[in-house]
Amino acid sequence: MSEKELLEKIERLEKRISKLEKEVGYIKEDIYEFVEDDEQCTGNCSHCSGCEEE
């Protein structure tokens, strides 16, 4: 592979990573909203420290 081809491949990978990071962010937001909507905390959530104190 030439240097130009490697640079193009890296650029495509960087764009794909950026898209995946956004998708993961949306998934995390959905999970947090789902947990917040749940009235009873099961103590298995990793995003809050309140469960550990109970």
PDB file of N, CA and C in Angstrom:
ATOM      1  N   MET A   1       0.837  -1.186   0.000  1.00  0.00           N
ATOM      2  CA  MET A   1       0.000   0.000   0.000  1.00  0.00           C
ATOM      3  C   MET A   1       0.879   1.244   0.000  1.00  0.00           C
ATOM      4  N   SER A   2       0.489   2.189  -0.782  1.00  0.00           N
ATOM      5  CA  SER A   2       1.248   3.435  -0.835  1.00  0.00           C
ATOM      6  C   SER A   2       0.877   4.329   0.345  1.00  0.00           C
ATOM      7  N   GLU A   3       1.686   5.327   0.538  1.00  0.00           N
ATOM      8  CA  GLU A   3       1.435   6.273   1.630  1.00  0.00           C
ATOM      9  C   GLU A   3       0.089   6.971   1.443  1.00  0.00           C
ATOM     10  N   LYS A   4      -0.222   7.315   0.210  1.00  0.00           N
ATOM     11  CA  LYS A   4      -1.492   7.985  -0.090  1.00  0.00           C
ATOM     12  C   LYS A   4      -2.669   7.079   0.266  1.00  0.00           C
ATOM     13  N   GLU A   5      -2.575   5.804  -0.078  1.00  0.00           N
ATOM     14  CA  GLU A   5      -3.651   4.860   0.234  1.00  0.00           C
ATOM     15  C   GLU A   5      -3.817   4.690   1.737  1.00  0.00           C
ATOM     16  N   LEU A   6      -2.693   4.639   2.451  1.00  0.00           N
ATOM     17  CA  LEU A   6      -2.753   4.523   3.910  1.00  0.00           C
ATOM     18  C   LEU A   6      -3.414   5.746   4.544  1.00  0.00           C
ATOM     19  N   LEU A   7      -3.065   6.914   4.050  1.00  0.00           N
ATOM     20  CA  LEU A   7      -3.650   8.143   4.581  1.00  0.00           C
ATOM     21  C   LEU A   7      -5.160   8.190   4.315  1.00  0.00           C
ATOM     22  N   GLU A   8      -5.568   7.756   3.133  1.00  0.00           N
ATOM     23  CA  GLU A   8      -7.001   7.716   2.811  1.00  0.00           C
ATOM     24  C   GLU A   8      -7.728   6.720   3.705  1.00  0.00           C
ATOM     25  N   LYS A   9      -7.101   5.588   3.940  1.00  0.00           N
ATOM     26  CA  LYS A   9      -7.716   4.577   4.803  1.00  0.00           C
ATOM     27  C   LYS A   9      -7.836   5.087   6.235  1.00  0.00           C
ATOM     28  N   ILE A  10      -6.806   5.750   6.712  1.00  0.00           N
ATOM     29  CA  ILE A  10      -6.835   6.330   8.057  1.00  0.00           C
ATOM     30  C   ILE A  10      -7.948   7.362   8.161  1.00  0.00           C
ATOM     31  N   GLU A  11      -8.099   8.185   7.145  1.00  0.00           N
ATOM     32  CA  GLU A  11      -9.149   9.209   7.137  1.00  0.00           C
ATOM     33  C   GLU A  11     -10.531   8.566   7.198  1.00  0.00           C
ATOM     34  N   ARG A  12     -10.732   7.505   6.416  1.00  0.00           N
ATOM     35  CA  ARG A  12     -12.026   6.805   6.445  1.00  0.00           C
ATOM     36  C   ARG A  12     -12.285   6.183   7.812  1.00  0.00           C
ATOM     37  N   LEU A  13     -11.243   5.612   8.409  1.00  0.00           N
ATOM     38  CA  LEU A  13     -11.388   5.018   9.739  1.00  0.00           C
ATOM     39  C   LEU A  13     -11.708   6.078  10.790  1.00  0.00           C
ATOM     40  N   GLU A  14     -11.064   7.229  10.697  1.00  0.00           N
ATOM     41  CA  GLU A  14     -11.335   8.312  11.638  1.00  0.00           C
ATOM     42  C   GLU A  14     -12.781   8.783  11.534  1.00  0.00           C
ATOM     43  N   LYS A  15     -13.300   8.876  10.315  1.00  0.00           N
ATOM     44  CA  LYS A  15     -14.700   9.271  10.129  1.00  0.00           C
ATOM     45  C   LYS A  15     -15.632   8.224  10.721  1.00  0.00           C
ATOM     46  N   ARG A  16     -15.318   6.960  10.495  1.00  0.00           N
ATOM     47  CA  ARG A  16     -16.159   5.870  11.026  1.00  0.00           C
ATOM     48  C   ARG A  16     -16.138   5.865  12.548  1.00  0.00           C
ATOM     49  N   ILE A  17     -14.969   6.089  13.134  1.00  0.00           N
ATOM     50  CA  ILE A  17     -14.855   6.142  14.584  1.00  0.00           C
ATOM     51  C   ILE A  17     -15.692   7.284  15.138  1.00  0.00           C
ATOM     52  N   SER A  18     -15.654   8.422  14.480  1.00  0.00           N
ATOM     53  CA  SER A  18     -16.438   9.576  14.915  1.00  0.00           C
ATOM     54  C   SER A  18     -17.933   9.249  14.913  1.00  0.00           C
ATOM     55  N   LYS A  19     -18.396   8.584  13.853  1.00  0.00           N
ATOM     56  CA  LYS A  19     -19.806   8.193  13.777  1.00  0.00           C
ATOM     57  C   LYS A  19     -20.161   7.214  14.888  1.00  0.00           C
ATOM     58  N   LEU A  20     -19.287   6.260  15.133  1.00  0.00           N
ATOM     59  CA  LEU A  20     -19.548   5.275  16.185  1.00  0.00           C
ATOM     60  C   LEU A  20     -19.569   5.919  17.571  1.00  0.00           C
ATOM     61  N   GLU A  21     -18.697   6.884  17.806  1.00  0.00           N
ATOM     62  CA  GLU A  21     -18.691   7.586  19.089  1.00  0.00           C
ATOM     63  C   GLU A  21     -20.005   8.318  19.314  1.00  0.00           C
ATOM     64  N   LYS A  22     -20.548   8.928  18.253  1.00  0.00           N
ATOM     65  CA  LYS A  22     -21.831   9.610  18.370  1.00  0.00           C
ATOM     66  C   LYS A  22     -22.939   8.609  18.688  1.00  0.00           C
ATOM     67  N   GLU A  23     -22.920   7.462  17.995  1.00  0.00           N
ATOM     68  CA  GLU A  23     -23.940   6.442  18.230  1.00  0.00           C
ATOM     69  C   GLU A  23     -23.876   5.918  19.659  1.00  0.00           C
ATOM     70  N   VAL A  24     -22.681   5.703  20.170  1.00  0.00           N
ATOM     71  CA  VAL A  24     -22.516   5.242  21.544  1.00  0.00           C
ATOM     72  C   VAL A  24     -23.060   6.300  22.511  1.00  0.00           C
ATOM     73  N   GLY A  25     -22.807   7.559  22.205  1.00  0.00           N
ATOM     74  CA  GLY A  25     -23.329   8.636  23.047  1.00  0.00           C
ATOM     75  C   GLY A  25     -24.850   8.621  23.090  1.00  0.00           C
ATOM     76  N   TYR A  26     -25.484   8.395  21.941  1.00  0.00           N
ATOM     77  CA  TYR A  26     -26.944   8.326  21.903  1.00  0.00           C
ATOM     78  C   TYR A  26     -27.450   7.129  22.699  1.00  0.00           C
ATOM     79  N   ILE A  27     -26.766   6.005  22.592  1.00  0.00           N
ATOM     80  CA  ILE A  27     -27.168   4.810  23.331  1.00  0.00           C
ATOM     81  C   ILE A  27     -27.056   5.059  24.827  1.00  0.00           C
ATOM     82  N   LYS A  28     -25.971   5.691  25.259  1.00  0.00           N
ATOM     83  CA  LYS A  28     -25.793   5.999  26.687  1.00  0.00           C
ATOM     84  C   LYS A  28     -26.919   6.910  27.177  1.00  0.00           C
ATOM     85  N   GLU A  29     -27.271   7.926  26.389  1.00  0.00           N
ATOM     86  CA  GLU A  29     -28.356   8.824  26.778  1.00  0.00           C
ATOM     87  C   GLU A  29     -29.661   8.048  26.940  1.00  0.00           C
ATOM     88  N   ASP A  30     -29.934   7.150  26.003  1.00  0.00           N
ATOM     89  CA  ASP A  30     -31.152   6.339  26.086  1.00  0.00           C
ATOM     90  C   ASP A  30     -31.152   5.468  27.333  1.00  0.00           C
ATOM     91  N   ILE A  31     -30.012   4.881  27.657  1.00  0.00           N
ATOM     92  CA  ILE A  31     -29.929   4.036  28.850  1.00  0.00           C
ATOM     93  C   ILE A  31     -30.175   4.871  30.097  1.00  0.00           C
ATOM     94  N   TYR A  32     -29.546   6.040  30.188  1.00  0.00           N
ATOM     95  CA  TYR A  32     -29.723   6.889  31.361  1.00  0.00           C
ATOM     96  C   TYR A  32     -31.180   7.324  31.500  1.00  0.00           C
ATOM     97  N   GLU A  33     -31.822   7.664  30.391  1.00  0.00           N
ATOM     98  CA  GLU A  33     -33.232   8.046  30.449  1.00  0.00           C
ATOM     99  C   GLU A  33     -34.081   6.876  30.906  1.00  0.00           C
ATOM    100  N   PHE A  34     -33.777   5.680  30.433  1.00  0.00           N
ATOM    101  CA  PHE A  34     -34.527   4.493  30.822  1.00  0.00           C
ATOM    102  C   PHE A  34     -34.372   4.235  32.314  1.00  0.00           C
ATOM    103  N   VAL A  35     -33.155   4.360  32.827  1.00  0.00           N
ATOM    104  CA  VAL A  35     -32.904   4.131  34.250  1.00  0.00           C
ATOM    105  C   VAL A  35     -33.609   5.192  35.078  1.00  0.00           C
ATOM    106  N   GLU A  36     -33.578   6.440  34.617  1.00  0.00           N
ATOM    107  CA  GLU A  36     -34.226   7.513  35.359  1.00  0.00           C
ATOM    108  C   GLU A  36     -35.740   7.331  35.383  1.00  0.00           C
ATOM    109  N   ASP A  37     -36.311   6.769  34.317  1.00  0.00           N
ATOM    110  CA  ASP A  37     -37.743   6.545  34.263  1.00  0.00           C
ATOM    111  C   ASP A  37     -38.176   5.393  35.177  1.00  0.00           C
ATOM    112  N   ASP A  38     -37.246   4.503  35.488  1.00  0.00           N
ATOM    113  CA  ASP A  38     -37.547   3.361  36.342  1.00  0.00           C
ATOM    114  C   ASP A  38     -37.626   3.860  37.782  1.00  0.00           C
ATOM    115  N   GLU A  39     -38.737   3.608  38.435  1.00  0.00           N
ATOM    116  CA  GLU A  39     -38.923   4.122  39.788  1.00  0.00           C
ATOM    117  C   GLU A  39     -38.081   3.375  40.818  1.00  0.00           C
ATOM    118  N   GLN A  40     -37.812   2.118  40.584  1.00  0.00           N
ATOM    119  CA  GLN A  40     -37.032   1.346  41.529  1.00  0.00           C
ATOM    120  C   GLN A  40     -35.643   1.077  40.963  1.00  0.00           C
ATOM    121  N   CYS A  41     -34.645   1.471  41.705  1.00  0.00           N
ATOM    122  CA  CYS A  41     -33.283   1.222  41.279  1.00  0.00           C
ATOM    123  C   CYS A  41     -32.892  -0.170  41.759  1.00  0.00           C
ATOM    124  N   THR A  42     -32.347  -0.971  40.874  1.00  0.00           N
ATOM    125  CA  THR A  42     -31.961  -2.334  41.227  1.00  0.00           C
ATOM    126  C   THR A  42     -30.556  -2.405  41.787  1.00  0.00           C
ATOM    127  N   GLY A  43     -29.862  -1.285  41.808  1.00  0.00           N
ATOM    128  CA  GLY A  43     -28.508  -1.266  42.334  1.00  0.00           C
ATOM    129  C   GLY A  43     -27.473  -1.704  41.323  1.00  0.00           C
ATOM    130  N   ASN A  44     -27.870  -1.924  40.081  1.00  0.00           N
ATOM    131  CA  ASN A  44     -26.937  -2.396  39.064  1.00  0.00           C
ATOM    132  C   ASN A  44     -26.479  -1.297  38.121  1.00  0.00           C
ATOM    133  N   CYS A  45     -26.937  -0.082  38.327  1.00  0.00           N
ATOM    134  CA  CYS A  45     -26.545   0.985  37.417  1.00  0.00           C
ATOM    135  C   CYS A  45     -25.138   1.468  37.771  1.00  0.00           C
ATOM    136  N   SER A  46     -24.378   1.777  36.769  1.00  0.00           N
ATOM    137  CA  SER A  46     -22.992   2.189  36.988  1.00  0.00           C
ATOM    138  C   SER A  46     -22.815   3.699  36.917  1.00  0.00           C
ATOM    139  N   HIS A  47     -23.882   4.421  36.584  1.00  0.00           N
ATOM    140  CA  HIS A  47     -23.719   5.858  36.362  1.00  0.00           C
ATOM    141  C   HIS A  47     -24.056   6.712  37.579  1.00  0.00           C
ATOM    142  N   CYS A  48     -24.533   6.100  38.647  1.00  0.00           N
ATOM    143  CA  CYS A  48     -24.847   6.899  39.834  1.00  0.00           C
ATOM    144  C   CYS A  48     -24.209   6.257  41.068  1.00  0.00           C
ATOM    145  N   SER A  49     -23.967   7.060  42.065  1.00  0.00           N
ATOM    146  CA  SER A  49     -23.363   6.542  43.284  1.00  0.00           C
ATOM    147  C   SER A  49     -24.407   6.313  44.368  1.00  0.00           C
ATOM    148  N   GLY A  50     -25.645   6.709  44.108  1.00  0.00           N
ATOM    149  CA  GLY A  50     -26.693   6.567  45.108  1.00  0.00           C
ATOM    150  C   GLY A  50     -27.007   5.131  45.462  1.00  0.00           C
ATOM    151  N   CYS A  51     -26.850   4.233  44.503  1.00  0.00           N
ATOM    152  CA  CYS A  51     -27.177   2.824  44.738  1.00  0.00           C
ATOM    153  C   CYS A  51     -26.219   2.190  45.728  1.00  0.00           C
ATOM    154  N   GLU A  52     -24.978   2.642  45.720  1.00  0.00           N
ATOM    155  CA  GLU A  52     -23.976   2.068  46.586  1.00  0.00           C
ATOM    156  C   GLU A  52     -24.234   2.394  48.040  1.00  0.00           C
ATOM    157  N   GLU A  53     -24.911   3.502  48.303  1.00  0.00           N
ATOM    158  CA  GLU A  53     -25.141   3.933  49.672  1.00  0.00           C
ATOM    159  C   GLU A  53     -26.309   3.216  50.327  1.00  0.00           C
ATOM    160  N   GLU A  54     -27.200   2.639  49.530  1.00  0.00           N
ATOM    161  CA  GLU A  54     -28.404   2.015  50.077  1.00  0.00           C
ATOM    162  C   GLU A  54     -28.118   0.737  50.799  1.00  0.00           C
TER     163      GLU A  54
END
